[in-house]
Amino acid sequence: MIYNLFGDMDFLVTIEAKEHVANILVEEVVSRDVENNDVLEKEKYLEGSIKFDSCSHFWFGDEDRHLHLCGVEDFERHILLMQFIYKKSFELMGRPTLPDEEWTMEIKEVENK
């Protein structure tokens, strides 16, 4: 299943789930056709797997495993992506998360003083 996260995210997320594991590929869209919004160029953002017991393995970025995050927006976007991957993987495996493993982190807007 491929999920296209538009807006500020702009990731293509592919999750292939079996009963005990979900294999994940995330590609970041780096350019789109201005007329029809088709993806023209994408780069590997991460690949990995999440198992039924919540253990996971991830390889980030390019062939050197380099992932560049620039500023708070990229960090927030990364956290939201990881939350989506975690929740969707368990949903597609047809399993609940382990007891007491609900995602509790919320990104809150902080007023600059």
Protein backbone atom coordinates (compact mmCIF):
# COMPACT_ATOMS: atom_id res chain seq x y z
CA MET A 1 0.00 0.00 0.00
CA ILE A 2 1.37 3.43 -0.93
CA TYR A 3 0.34 6.48 1.08
CA ASN A 4 0.94 9.91 -0.40
CA LEU A 5 1.38 12.42 2.42
CA PHE A 6 0.89 15.83 0.80
CA GLY A 7 1.02 19.30 2.26
CA ASP A 8 4.04 20.09 4.35
CA MET A 9 4.95 16.39 4.52
CA ASP A 10 5.25 15.45 0.81
CA PHE A 11 6.35 11.85 1.37
CA LEU A 12 5.47 8.68 -0.49
CA VAL A 13 5.14 5.93 2.13
CA THR A 14 5.01 2.28 1.04
CA ILE A 15 4.13 -0.26 3.73
CA GLU A 16 3.98 -3.98 2.98
CA ALA A 17 2.59 -5.71 6.04
CA LYS A 18 2.43 -9.35 7.00
CA GLU A 19 1.10 -10.81 10.25
CA HIS A 20 4.31 -10.21 12.25
CA VAL A 21 6.19 -7.46 10.40
CA ALA A 22 5.66 -4.34 8.31
CA ASN A 23 8.33 -3.40 5.78
CA ILE A 24 8.53 0.30 5.06
CA LEU A 25 9.95 2.53 2.34
CA VAL A 26 9.60 6.31 2.53
CA GLU A 27 10.57 8.55 -0.36
CA GLU A 28 10.65 12.32 -0.10
CA VAL A 29 9.19 14.16 -3.08
CA VAL A 30 11.70 16.80 -4.17
CA SER A 31 9.94 18.05 -7.30
CA ARG A 32 6.50 17.91 -8.88
CA ASP A 33 5.07 18.94 -12.24
CA VAL A 34 3.52 22.38 -11.76
CA GLU A 35 0.63 21.62 -14.13
CA ASN A 36 -0.60 18.22 -12.95
CA ASN A 37 1.26 17.72 -9.63
CA ASP A 38 2.84 14.44 -10.80
CA VAL A 39 6.01 13.42 -8.97
CA LEU A 40 9.05 14.26 -11.08
CA GLU A 41 11.82 13.48 -8.61
CA LYS A 42 12.04 11.70 -5.28
CA GLU A 43 14.81 10.64 -2.89
CA LYS A 44 14.95 7.80 -0.42
CA TYR A 45 14.19 9.16 3.05
CA LEU A 46 14.15 5.92 5.04
CA GLU A 47 13.57 2.21 4.83
CA GLY A 48 13.04 -0.31 7.56
CA SER A 49 10.66 -2.56 9.39
CA ILE A 50 8.49 -2.63 12.49
CA LYS A 51 7.73 -5.96 14.14
CA PHE A 52 4.70 -7.06 16.14
CA ASP A 53 6.66 -6.59 19.38
CA SER A 54 7.36 -2.89 18.58
CA CYS A 55 11.01 -3.52 17.74
CA SER A 56 12.14 -1.75 14.60
CA HIS A 57 15.10 -1.27 12.29
CA PHE A 58 15.57 1.83 10.14
CA TRP A 59 18.14 3.02 7.63
CA PHE A 60 17.89 6.73 7.00
CA GLY A 61 18.75 8.87 4.00
CA ASP A 62 20.89 8.06 1.02
CA GLU A 63 23.37 5.23 0.39
CA ASP A 64 25.68 6.74 3.04
CA ARG A 65 22.75 6.64 5.50
CA HIS A 66 22.92 10.42 5.70
CA LEU A 67 19.69 12.26 6.48
CA HIS A 68 19.73 16.05 6.57
CA LEU A 69 17.16 17.76 8.80
CA CYS A 70 17.21 21.54 8.73
CA GLY A 71 15.41 23.42 11.49
CA VAL A 72 12.41 22.77 13.67
CA GLU A 73 10.01 22.19 10.76
CA ASP A 74 12.06 19.23 9.49
CA PHE A 75 12.26 17.75 13.00
CA GLU A 76 8.50 18.09 13.50
CA ARG A 77 7.83 16.63 10.05
CA HIS A 78 10.11 13.69 10.85
CA ILE A 79 8.33 13.02 14.16
CA LEU A 80 4.90 13.13 12.50
CA LEU A 81 6.12 10.76 9.80
CA MET A 82 7.44 8.28 12.38
CA GLN A 83 4.13 8.45 14.26
CA PHE A 84 2.20 7.76 11.04
CA ILE A 85 4.47 4.82 10.16
CA TYR A 86 4.14 3.29 13.63
CA LYS A 87 0.35 3.54 13.79
CA LYS A 88 -0.25 2.49 10.18
CA SER A 89 2.10 -0.51 10.46
CA PHE A 90 0.17 -1.98 13.37
CA GLU A 91 -3.13 -1.27 11.65
CA LEU A 92 -1.97 -3.10 8.50
CA MET A 93 -0.55 -6.02 10.51
CA GLY A 94 -4.02 -6.32 12.06
CA ARG A 95 -2.56 -6.07 15.54
CA PRO A 96 -2.93 -3.74 18.47
CA THR A 97 0.18 -2.10 19.82
CA LEU A 98 1.56 -3.63 22.99
CA PRO A 99 -0.24 -2.69 26.22
CA ASP A 100 0.71 0.79 27.45
CA GLU A 101 2.34 1.66 24.12
CA GLU A 102 -0.04 4.29 22.85
CA TRP A 103 1.59 7.23 21.12
CA THR A 104 1.38 10.04 23.67
CA MET A 105 3.61 12.73 22.25
CA GLU A 106 1.89 15.83 20.95
CA ILE A 107 3.59 18.62 19.08
CA LYS A 108 2.47 21.84 20.67
CA GLU A 109 2.91 25.34 19.35
CA VAL A 110 5.15 27.38 21.62
CA GLU A 111 4.86 31.15 21.70
CA ASN A 112 8.17 32.98 21.26
CA LYS A 113 8.92 35.41 24.07
